[in-house]
N, C-alpha and C. Protein backbone atom coordinates (compact mmCIF):
# COMPACT_ATOMS: atom_id res chain seq x y z
N MET A 1 -16.91 -7.58 -5.53
CA MET A 1 -16.79 -6.54 -6.69
C MET A 1 -15.89 -5.39 -6.58
N PRO A 2 -15.13 -4.52 -6.84
CA PRO A 2 -14.33 -3.38 -6.53
C PRO A 2 -15.03 -2.84 -5.77
N GLU A 3 -14.48 -1.68 -5.02
CA GLU A 3 -14.75 -0.38 -4.94
C GLU A 3 -14.11 0.79 -5.75
N THR A 4 -14.73 1.18 -6.64
CA THR A 4 -14.51 1.80 -7.81
C THR A 4 -14.65 3.36 -7.58
N THR A 5 -15.47 3.80 -6.93
CA THR A 5 -15.92 5.50 -5.90
C THR A 5 -14.56 5.72 -5.60
N ARG A 6 -13.57 5.46 -5.03
CA ARG A 6 -13.06 6.35 -4.79
C ARG A 6 -11.33 6.17 -5.02
N THR A 7 -10.79 7.20 -4.96
CA THR A 7 -9.35 7.12 -5.64
C THR A 7 -8.35 6.49 -4.58
N VAL A 8 -7.54 5.74 -5.27
CA VAL A 8 -6.69 4.76 -4.14
C VAL A 8 -5.60 4.89 -4.46
N VAL A 9 -4.67 5.63 -3.21
CA VAL A 9 -2.86 5.70 -4.00
C VAL A 9 -1.94 4.90 -3.01
N VAL A 10 -1.06 3.88 -3.49
CA VAL A 10 -0.55 3.45 -2.81
C VAL A 10 1.12 3.67 -2.74
N ASN A 11 1.99 2.84 -1.47
CA ASN A 11 3.17 3.28 -1.12
C ASN A 11 3.54 2.37 -1.93
N THR A 12 5.29 2.13 -1.97
CA THR A 12 6.18 1.06 -1.82
C THR A 12 6.06 -0.09 -0.96
N THR A 13 5.75 0.01 -0.19
CA THR A 13 6.11 -0.90 1.13
C THR A 13 5.15 -1.72 0.76
N PRO A 14 3.47 -1.45 0.73
CA PRO A 14 2.37 -2.04 0.40
C PRO A 14 2.44 -3.10 -0.81
N LEU A 15 3.17 -2.19 -2.19
CA LEU A 15 3.10 -3.15 -3.04
C LEU A 15 3.94 -4.15 -2.90
N ILE A 16 4.80 -3.90 -2.66
CA ILE A 16 6.16 -5.25 -2.29
C ILE A 16 5.81 -6.18 -1.55
N ALA A 17 5.50 -5.74 -0.07
CA ALA A 17 4.43 -7.03 1.16
C ALA A 17 3.31 -7.84 0.17
N LEU A 18 2.79 -6.74 -0.68
CA LEU A 18 1.83 -7.92 -1.17
C LEU A 18 2.09 -8.65 -2.49
N ALA A 19 3.06 -7.99 -2.85
CA ALA A 19 3.84 -9.11 -4.36
C ALA A 19 4.36 -9.83 -3.28
N LEU A 20 5.37 -9.95 -2.64
CA LEU A 20 6.15 -10.62 -1.70
C LEU A 20 5.28 -11.75 -1.31
N ILE A 21 3.99 -11.79 -0.87
CA ILE A 21 3.41 -13.13 -0.46
C ILE A 21 2.25 -13.15 -1.67
N GLY A 22 2.25 -13.18 -2.60
CA GLY A 22 1.60 -13.61 -3.70
C GLY A 22 0.28 -12.71 -3.67
N GLN A 23 -0.13 -11.34 -3.38
CA GLN A 23 -1.50 -11.33 -3.06
C GLN A 23 -1.51 -9.59 -3.83
N LEU A 24 -0.83 -9.26 -4.74
CA LEU A 24 -0.78 -7.78 -4.94
C LEU A 24 -2.22 -7.90 -5.91
N ASP A 25 -2.94 -8.79 -6.49
CA ASP A 25 -3.91 -8.83 -7.12
C ASP A 25 -5.59 -8.53 -5.81
N LEU A 26 -4.89 -8.50 -4.66
CA LEU A 26 -6.18 -8.44 -3.83
C LEU A 26 -6.92 -6.54 -3.90
N LEU A 27 -4.97 -5.77 -4.12
CA LEU A 27 -5.61 -4.63 -4.27
C LEU A 27 -7.05 -4.02 -5.73
N ARG A 28 -6.15 -4.73 -6.83
CA ARG A 28 -7.36 -4.89 -7.89
C ARG A 28 -8.68 -5.17 -7.44
N HIS A 29 -8.93 -6.76 -6.81
CA HIS A 29 -10.29 -7.06 -6.41
C HIS A 29 -10.87 -6.02 -5.42
N LEU A 30 -10.24 -5.35 -4.41
CA LEU A 30 -10.86 -4.80 -3.23
C LEU A 30 -11.08 -3.43 -3.93
N TYR A 31 -10.43 -2.35 -5.03
CA TYR A 31 -10.49 -1.67 -4.91
C TYR A 31 -10.64 -1.02 -6.41
N GLY A 32 -10.25 -2.04 -7.46
CA GLY A 32 -10.46 -1.43 -9.17
C GLY A 32 -9.27 -1.06 -8.99
N LYS A 33 -8.98 -0.02 -9.89
CA LYS A 33 -7.87 0.74 -10.13
C LYS A 33 -7.26 1.21 -9.27
N VAL A 34 -5.80 1.11 -8.74
CA VAL A 34 -5.48 2.33 -8.13
C VAL A 34 -4.34 2.73 -8.94
N VAL A 35 -3.82 3.86 -8.36
CA VAL A 35 -2.58 4.98 -8.56
C VAL A 35 -1.59 4.74 -7.94
N ILE A 36 -0.15 5.47 -8.49
CA ILE A 36 0.76 5.77 -8.06
C ILE A 36 1.70 6.56 -8.24
N PRO A 37 2.65 7.14 -7.80
CA PRO A 37 3.70 8.38 -8.05
C PRO A 37 4.95 8.01 -8.92
N PRO A 38 5.05 8.20 -9.64
CA PRO A 38 6.67 8.46 -9.99
C PRO A 38 7.40 7.46 -9.16
N ALA A 39 7.72 8.42 -7.82
CA ALA A 39 8.69 7.80 -6.90
C ALA A 39 8.56 6.51 -6.70
N VAL A 40 7.16 5.98 -6.46
CA VAL A 40 6.95 5.02 -6.13
C VAL A 40 7.11 3.61 -6.95
N LYS A 41 6.85 4.05 -8.02
CA LYS A 41 7.01 3.28 -9.19
C LYS A 41 8.75 2.75 -9.55
N ASP A 42 9.20 3.99 -9.28
CA ASP A 42 10.55 3.87 -9.15
C ASP A 42 11.73 3.03 -8.23
N GLU A 43 10.90 3.24 -7.23
CA GLU A 43 11.53 2.29 -6.29
C GLU A 43 11.14 1.31 -6.17
N VAL A 44 10.25 0.85 -6.84
CA VAL A 44 9.73 -1.01 -6.84
C VAL A 44 10.86 -1.24 -8.11
N LEU A 45 10.87 -0.56 -9.11
CA LEU A 45 11.78 -1.00 -10.21
C LEU A 45 12.93 -0.73 -9.90
N ALA A 46 13.50 -0.39 -9.03
CA ALA A 46 15.01 -0.34 -8.59
C ALA A 46 15.33 -1.68 -8.10
N GLY A 47 14.55 -2.39 -7.74
CA GLY A 47 14.89 -3.99 -7.57
C GLY A 47 15.77 -4.41 -8.42
N GLY A 48 15.48 -4.25 -9.86
CA GLY A 48 15.94 -4.76 -10.79
C GLY A 48 15.04 -5.47 -11.66
N PRO A 49 15.14 -6.34 -12.62
CA PRO A 49 14.64 -7.44 -13.21
C PRO A 49 14.35 -8.59 -12.03
N GLY A 50 14.86 -9.52 -10.87
CA GLY A 50 14.51 -10.18 -10.27
C GLY A 50 14.26 -9.69 -8.98
N GLY A 51 13.68 -8.23 -8.66
CA GLY A 51 13.61 -7.39 -7.50
C GLY A 51 11.91 -8.10 -7.31
N ILE A 52 11.54 -8.15 -5.60
CA ILE A 52 10.42 -8.59 -5.59
C ILE A 52 9.00 -7.36 -6.10
N GLY A 53 8.21 -7.83 -6.59
CA GLY A 53 7.45 -6.85 -6.91
C GLY A 53 7.53 -6.12 -8.44
N VAL A 54 8.90 -6.32 -9.19
CA VAL A 54 9.00 -5.32 -10.41
C VAL A 54 8.05 -6.26 -11.53
N THR A 55 8.28 -7.59 -11.36
CA THR A 55 7.24 -8.15 -12.53
C THR A 55 5.88 -7.97 -12.50
N GLU A 56 5.28 -7.87 -11.00
CA GLU A 56 4.05 -8.48 -10.85
C GLU A 56 3.76 -6.25 -11.14
N LEU A 57 4.56 -5.45 -11.00
CA LEU A 57 4.09 -4.29 -11.22
C LEU A 57 3.99 -3.96 -12.37
N GLN A 58 5.21 -4.40 -13.45
CA GLN A 58 4.94 -4.35 -14.71
C GLN A 58 3.72 -4.90 -14.98
N ARG A 59 3.03 -6.01 -14.97
CA ARG A 59 1.88 -6.71 -15.28
C ARG A 59 0.58 -6.42 -14.72
N ALA A 60 0.23 -5.39 -13.79
CA ALA A 60 -0.71 -4.95 -13.01
C ALA A 60 -1.13 -3.53 -13.94
N LYS A 61 -1.85 -3.84 -15.35
CA LYS A 61 -1.92 -2.34 -16.15
C LYS A 61 -3.13 -1.87 -15.03
N TRP A 62 -3.88 -2.69 -14.00
CA TRP A 62 -4.45 -1.59 -13.45
C TRP A 62 -3.87 -0.33 -12.51
N ILE A 63 -2.70 -1.09 -12.48
CA ILE A 63 -1.90 0.06 -11.26
C ILE A 63 -1.74 1.26 -12.18
N ARG A 64 -1.73 2.57 -11.67
CA ARG A 64 -1.58 3.47 -13.10
C ARG A 64 -0.89 4.19 -12.23
N THR A 65 0.65 5.05 -12.93
CA THR A 65 1.32 5.79 -12.73
C THR A 65 0.61 6.99 -12.85
N ILE A 66 0.78 8.63 -11.94
CA ILE A 66 0.15 9.40 -12.49
C ILE A 66 1.18 10.36 -11.51
N PRO A 67 1.73 11.31 -12.54
CA PRO A 67 2.75 12.54 -12.33
C PRO A 67 1.94 13.31 -11.15
N LEU A 68 2.86 14.25 -10.52
CA LEU A 68 2.11 15.23 -9.67
C LEU A 68 2.05 16.35 -10.67
N GLN A 69 1.18 17.35 -10.35
CA GLN A 69 0.88 18.13 -11.24
C GLN A 69 1.80 19.39 -10.47
N ASP A 70 2.02 19.17 -9.01
CA ASP A 70 2.87 19.97 -8.73
C ASP A 70 3.75 19.56 -7.66
N PRO A 71 5.18 19.02 -8.21
CA PRO A 71 5.99 18.28 -7.48
C PRO A 71 6.16 18.80 -6.09
N ARG A 72 6.64 20.34 -6.05
CA ARG A 72 7.37 20.99 -5.02
C ARG A 72 6.24 20.77 -3.91
N ARG A 73 5.22 20.03 -3.97
CA ARG A 73 3.92 19.60 -2.43
C ARG A 73 4.86 18.66 -2.07
N ALA A 74 5.51 17.76 -2.76
CA ALA A 74 6.19 16.31 -2.24
C ALA A 74 7.05 17.32 -1.24
N ASP A 75 8.04 18.13 -2.02
CA ASP A 75 9.21 18.71 -1.47
C ASP A 75 8.88 19.38 -0.09
N LEU A 76 7.73 19.66 0.45
CA LEU A 76 7.35 20.28 1.69
C LEU A 76 7.36 18.84 2.78
N LEU A 77 7.50 17.79 2.29
CA LEU A 77 7.65 16.86 3.32
C LEU A 77 8.61 16.26 3.27
N SER A 78 9.68 16.82 3.51
CA SER A 78 11.03 16.38 3.37
C SER A 78 11.98 15.62 4.08
N ASP A 79 11.22 15.44 5.45
CA ASP A 79 11.55 14.63 6.36
C ASP A 79 11.26 13.16 5.92
N LEU A 80 9.98 12.82 4.75
CA LEU A 80 9.67 11.48 4.53
C LEU A 80 10.94 11.06 3.27
N ASP A 81 10.75 9.76 2.63
CA ASP A 81 11.61 9.52 1.52
C ASP A 81 10.57 10.19 0.47
N ARG A 82 11.10 10.00 -0.69
CA ARG A 82 10.42 10.68 -1.69
C ARG A 82 9.11 9.87 -2.31
N GLY A 83 9.28 8.10 -2.02
CA GLY A 83 7.88 7.88 -2.88
C GLY A 83 6.66 7.84 -1.45
N GLU A 84 6.98 8.58 -0.08
CA GLU A 84 6.10 8.41 0.95
C GLU A 84 5.40 10.28 0.38
N ALA A 85 6.51 10.88 0.38
CA ALA A 85 5.62 11.92 0.03
C ALA A 85 5.24 12.73 -1.03
N GLU A 86 5.33 11.76 -2.78
CA GLU A 86 4.68 11.44 -3.43
C GLU A 86 3.58 11.26 -3.42
N VAL A 87 3.08 10.05 -2.18
CA VAL A 87 1.73 9.02 -2.07
C VAL A 87 1.33 10.45 -1.51
N ILE A 88 1.28 11.09 -0.48
CA ILE A 88 0.74 12.29 0.29
C ILE A 88 0.43 13.07 -0.94
N ALA A 89 1.11 14.04 -1.40
CA ALA A 89 1.05 14.99 -2.85
C ALA A 89 0.21 14.71 -3.48
N LEU A 90 0.14 13.34 -4.16
CA LEU A 90 -0.93 12.76 -4.80
C LEU A 90 -2.04 12.67 -4.37
N ALA A 91 -2.00 11.79 -3.39
CA ALA A 91 -3.47 11.69 -2.29
C ALA A 91 -4.04 13.19 -2.44
N GLN A 92 -3.26 14.34 -2.10
CA GLN A 92 -4.29 15.66 -1.92
C GLN A 92 -4.23 16.33 -3.46
N GLU A 93 -3.56 15.78 -4.12
CA GLU A 93 -3.80 16.39 -5.42
C GLU A 93 -5.39 16.04 -5.96
N LEU A 94 -5.18 14.56 -5.27
CA LEU A 94 -6.35 13.79 -6.73
C LEU A 94 -8.06 13.98 -5.15
N ASN A 95 -7.50 14.15 -4.88
CA ASN A 95 -8.28 14.06 -3.27
C ASN A 95 -8.71 12.79 -3.23
N ALA A 96 -7.91 12.38 -3.14
CA ALA A 96 -7.91 10.11 -2.87
C ALA A 96 -9.28 10.26 -1.57
N GLY A 97 -9.41 8.87 -1.81
CA GLY A 97 -10.27 8.77 -0.58
C GLY A 97 -9.93 7.67 0.23
N LEU A 98 -8.64 6.83 -0.32
CA LEU A 98 -7.62 6.07 0.87
C LEU A 98 -6.14 6.05 0.16
N VAL A 99 -5.36 5.77 1.38
CA VAL A 99 -4.01 6.14 1.30
C VAL A 99 -3.58 4.72 2.04
N ILE A 100 -2.75 3.88 1.01
CA ILE A 100 -2.00 3.03 1.70
C ILE A 100 -0.73 2.79 1.80
N MET A 101 -0.09 2.63 2.92
CA MET A 101 0.95 2.69 3.19
C MET A 101 1.26 2.83 4.70
N ASP A 102 2.34 1.70 4.90
CA ASP A 102 2.78 1.68 6.23
C ASP A 102 3.68 1.97 7.38
N GLU A 103 4.45 2.98 6.57
CA GLU A 103 5.74 3.60 7.39
C GLU A 103 4.76 4.71 8.54
N ARG A 104 5.60 4.58 9.94
CA ARG A 104 4.72 5.08 10.66
C ARG A 104 4.62 7.10 10.48
N LEU A 105 6.38 7.52 10.59
CA LEU A 105 6.36 8.80 10.34
C LEU A 105 4.92 9.04 8.75
N ALA A 106 4.92 8.80 8.00
CA ALA A 106 4.41 9.22 6.74
C ALA A 106 2.86 8.91 7.05
N ARG A 107 2.49 8.06 7.49
CA ARG A 107 1.38 8.00 8.11
C ARG A 107 0.94 9.18 8.91
N ARG A 108 1.73 9.58 10.29
CA ARG A 108 1.58 10.63 10.87
C ARG A 108 0.83 12.09 10.17
N HIS A 109 2.05 12.11 8.93
CA HIS A 109 1.53 13.40 8.19
C HIS A 109 0.40 13.45 7.29
N ALA A 110 0.19 12.07 6.81
CA ALA A 110 -0.98 11.98 6.07
C ALA A 110 -2.18 11.86 7.14
N LYS A 111 -2.38 11.44 8.16
CA LYS A 111 -3.45 11.73 9.20
C LYS A 111 -3.77 13.67 9.42
N ARG A 112 -2.19 13.70 9.45
CA ARG A 112 -2.28 15.24 9.85
C ARG A 112 -3.14 16.22 8.74
N LEU A 113 -3.07 15.44 7.90
CA LEU A 113 -3.56 16.40 6.55
C LEU A 113 -4.90 15.79 6.18
N GLY A 114 -5.28 15.08 6.99
CA GLY A 114 -6.77 14.78 6.75
C GLY A 114 -7.06 13.20 5.85
N LEU A 115 -6.06 13.02 5.32
CA LEU A 115 -5.97 11.77 4.70
C LEU A 115 -6.79 10.52 5.43
N THR A 116 -7.48 9.35 4.89
CA THR A 116 -7.67 8.17 5.21
C THR A 116 -6.80 7.17 4.77
N LEU A 117 -6.31 6.61 5.88
CA LEU A 117 -5.29 5.74 5.72
C LEU A 117 -5.44 4.35 5.73
N THR A 118 -4.96 3.13 5.65
CA THR A 118 -4.51 2.08 5.81
C THR A 118 -3.50 1.64 4.98
N GLY A 119 -2.81 0.06 6.05
CA GLY A 119 -1.93 -0.66 5.67
C GLY A 119 -1.60 -1.58 4.97
N THR A 120 -0.46 -2.69 4.66
CA THR A 120 -0.82 -3.64 4.12
C THR A 120 -1.76 -4.47 5.28
N ILE A 121 -1.64 -4.47 6.59
CA ILE A 121 -2.59 -5.54 7.25
C ILE A 121 -4.23 -5.58 7.41
N GLY A 122 -4.33 -4.15 7.11
CA GLY A 122 -5.63 -3.35 6.98
C GLY A 122 -6.11 -3.96 5.48
N VAL A 123 -5.57 -4.03 4.38
CA VAL A 123 -5.58 -4.85 2.96
C VAL A 123 -6.11 -6.04 3.63
N LEU A 124 -5.07 -6.55 3.92
CA LEU A 124 -5.11 -7.99 4.11
C LEU A 124 -6.48 -8.66 5.10
N LEU A 125 -7.04 -7.56 6.14
CA LEU A 125 -8.33 -7.55 7.20
C LEU A 125 -8.94 -7.42 6.15
N ARG A 126 -9.71 -6.49 5.60
CA ARG A 126 -10.45 -6.60 4.23
C ARG A 126 -10.76 -7.14 3.70
N ALA A 127 -9.65 -7.96 2.91
CA ALA A 127 -9.98 -8.81 1.81
C ALA A 127 -10.16 -10.21 2.49
N LYS A 128 -10.12 -10.67 3.91
CA LYS A 128 -10.42 -11.86 4.62
C LYS A 128 -12.26 -11.47 4.81
N GLU A 129 -12.29 -10.42 5.17
CA GLU A 129 -13.82 -9.55 5.27
C GLU A 129 -14.44 -10.09 4.16
N ARG A 130 -14.09 -9.49 2.55
CA ARG A 130 -14.77 -9.80 1.61
C ARG A 130 -14.43 -11.17 1.51
N LYS A 131 -13.87 -12.22 1.97
CA LYS A 131 -14.12 -13.51 1.50
C LYS A 131 -12.97 -13.55 0.32
N LEU A 132 -11.65 -12.91 0.22
CA LEU A 132 -11.02 -13.23 -1.13
C LEU A 132 -9.86 -14.06 -0.12
N VAL A 133 -9.86 -13.92 0.96
CA VAL A 133 -8.43 -15.14 1.45
C VAL A 133 -9.30 -15.42 3.11
N PRO A 134 -8.69 -16.68 2.58
CA PRO A 134 -9.58 -18.13 3.84
C PRO A 134 -8.82 -16.82 5.30
N ALA A 135 -8.02 -17.05 5.40
CA ALA A 135 -7.06 -16.21 6.99
C ALA A 135 -5.95 -15.55 6.66
N VAL A 136 -6.19 -14.53 7.76
CA VAL A 136 -4.74 -13.67 7.42
C VAL A 136 -3.36 -13.95 8.04
N GLY A 137 -3.62 -14.94 9.08
CA GLY A 137 -2.75 -15.33 10.20
C GLY A 137 -1.31 -15.99 9.14
N PRO A 138 -1.88 -16.56 8.15
CA PRO A 138 -0.83 -17.45 7.17
C PRO A 138 -0.08 -16.30 6.49
N LEU A 139 -0.71 -15.54 6.03
CA LEU A 139 -0.37 -14.58 5.24
C LEU A 139 0.74 -13.53 6.22
N ILE A 140 0.50 -13.29 7.25
CA ILE A 140 1.41 -12.22 8.24
C ILE A 140 2.41 -13.20 8.49
N ASP A 141 2.44 -14.41 8.70
CA ASP A 141 3.46 -15.25 8.81
C ASP A 141 4.73 -15.25 7.45
N GLN A 142 3.95 -15.13 6.19
CA GLN A 142 4.54 -15.26 5.34
C GLN A 142 5.18 -13.95 5.16
N LEU A 143 4.87 -12.83 5.46
CA LEU A 143 5.16 -11.47 5.48
C LEU A 143 6.74 -11.48 6.52
N LEU A 144 6.38 -11.75 7.56
CA LEU A 144 7.42 -11.98 8.46
C LEU A 144 8.56 -12.72 7.88
N GLN A 145 8.59 -14.01 7.76
CA GLN A 145 9.19 -14.97 7.20
C GLN A 145 10.13 -14.17 5.66
N GLY A 146 9.51 -13.50 4.91
CA GLY A 146 9.68 -12.82 3.65
C GLY A 146 10.89 -11.41 3.90
N GLY A 147 10.99 -11.16 5.35
CA GLY A 147 11.40 -10.14 6.17
C GLY A 147 10.76 -8.66 6.11
N ILE A 148 9.40 -8.72 5.84
CA ILE A 148 8.90 -7.37 6.05
C ILE A 148 8.65 -7.42 7.72
N TRP A 149 8.82 -6.48 8.60
CA TRP A 149 8.81 -5.88 9.94
C TRP A 149 7.57 -5.79 10.48
N LEU A 150 6.70 -6.20 11.40
CA LEU A 150 5.93 -5.79 11.48
C LEU A 150 5.54 -6.13 13.41
N GLY A 151 5.24 -5.19 13.67
CA GLY A 151 5.58 -5.14 15.23
C GLY A 151 4.38 -5.92 16.02
N ASP A 152 4.96 -6.93 17.04
CA ASP A 152 4.27 -8.15 18.04
C ASP A 152 2.90 -6.91 17.86
N ASP A 153 2.19 -6.32 18.62
CA ASP A 153 1.03 -5.27 18.98
C ASP A 153 0.34 -5.71 17.91
N LEU A 154 0.94 -5.01 16.78
CA LEU A 154 -0.12 -4.90 15.35
C LEU A 154 -0.48 -6.38 14.93
N VAL A 155 0.40 -7.46 15.53
CA VAL A 155 -0.25 -8.53 14.69
C VAL A 155 -1.15 -8.95 15.10
N THR A 156 -0.84 -9.22 16.81
CA THR A 156 -1.82 -9.91 18.06
C THR A 156 -2.93 -8.80 17.72
N GLU A 157 -3.29 -7.71 16.93
CA GLU A 157 -4.70 -7.00 17.20
C GLU A 157 -5.07 -7.23 15.33
N ALA A 158 -3.87 -7.57 14.56
CA ALA A 158 -4.52 -7.94 13.50
C ALA A 158 -5.64 -9.18 13.15
N LEU A 159 -4.76 -10.37 14.26
CA LEU A 159 -5.21 -11.70 14.47
C LEU A 159 -6.24 -11.71 15.04
N ARG A 160 -6.16 -10.67 16.16
CA ARG A 160 -7.82 -10.43 17.05
C ARG A 160 -8.60 -10.16 15.89
N LEU A 161 -8.58 -8.91 15.19
CA LEU A 161 -9.95 -8.56 14.05
C LEU A 161 -10.35 -9.88 13.02
N ALA A 162 -9.08 -9.95 12.89
CA ALA A 162 -9.47 -11.59 11.58
C ALA A 162 -10.06 -12.47 12.25
N GLY A 163 -10.26 -12.51 14.10
CA GLY A 163 -11.10 -13.65 14.50
C GLY A 163 -10.18 -14.66 14.32
N GLU A 164 -9.05 -14.58 14.56
CA GLU A 164 -8.00 -15.80 14.51
C GLU A 164 -6.81 -15.44 15.68
N GLY A 165 -6.90 -14.63 16.59
CA GLY A 165 -5.98 -14.74 17.66
C GLY A 165 -6.91 -15.32 19.22
C-alpha cells in the first residue's frame, strides 16, 4: 500500500531514470500520487515524442503537475536549473514530506531548507524493501548502461544497503 499521507515532489532526472528502466510505476506504488512543477514536465516533454519518459509521463495520470503559487520563489535559486528550482520551491509551498532529486547542488539547497530527500537509488532501495523489485543491482546496471551517471561510492553503498554487495 502506498504512502499517501505526505506530498512527494519529483525532479526530472528521477522521472527519466525510472522511465528508462521501466520502473516509473514504483513512484505510484510507493507514494501514491506524486507532484511535479511545470518546469519538470517541460523538461521531460522537451525530449520529443521518442524521448525517454515522455510517453510514460503522459500516461501517468497519478503524477499531477502543480504550478507554483509564487514563481519568484524559484527565481531565488538562480544557481539551479529551472526544474530543480521549481521542485524546491513547490516542495516548500506544499510543505512536502519528500523531495526526490539526484543533482548534488540542488540536494544541498533542499537540505539547507530543511526538506526531506531521496533520489533515484533511494527509490529503488525502498522498492526492494517493500518487495516491489527483487534486486537493486540489475536496475543499477540498467541505469548505467542507459547513460545515467552514478558515482562508484553510491553504487557500492546502494548494493551494500540492498544486501547485494
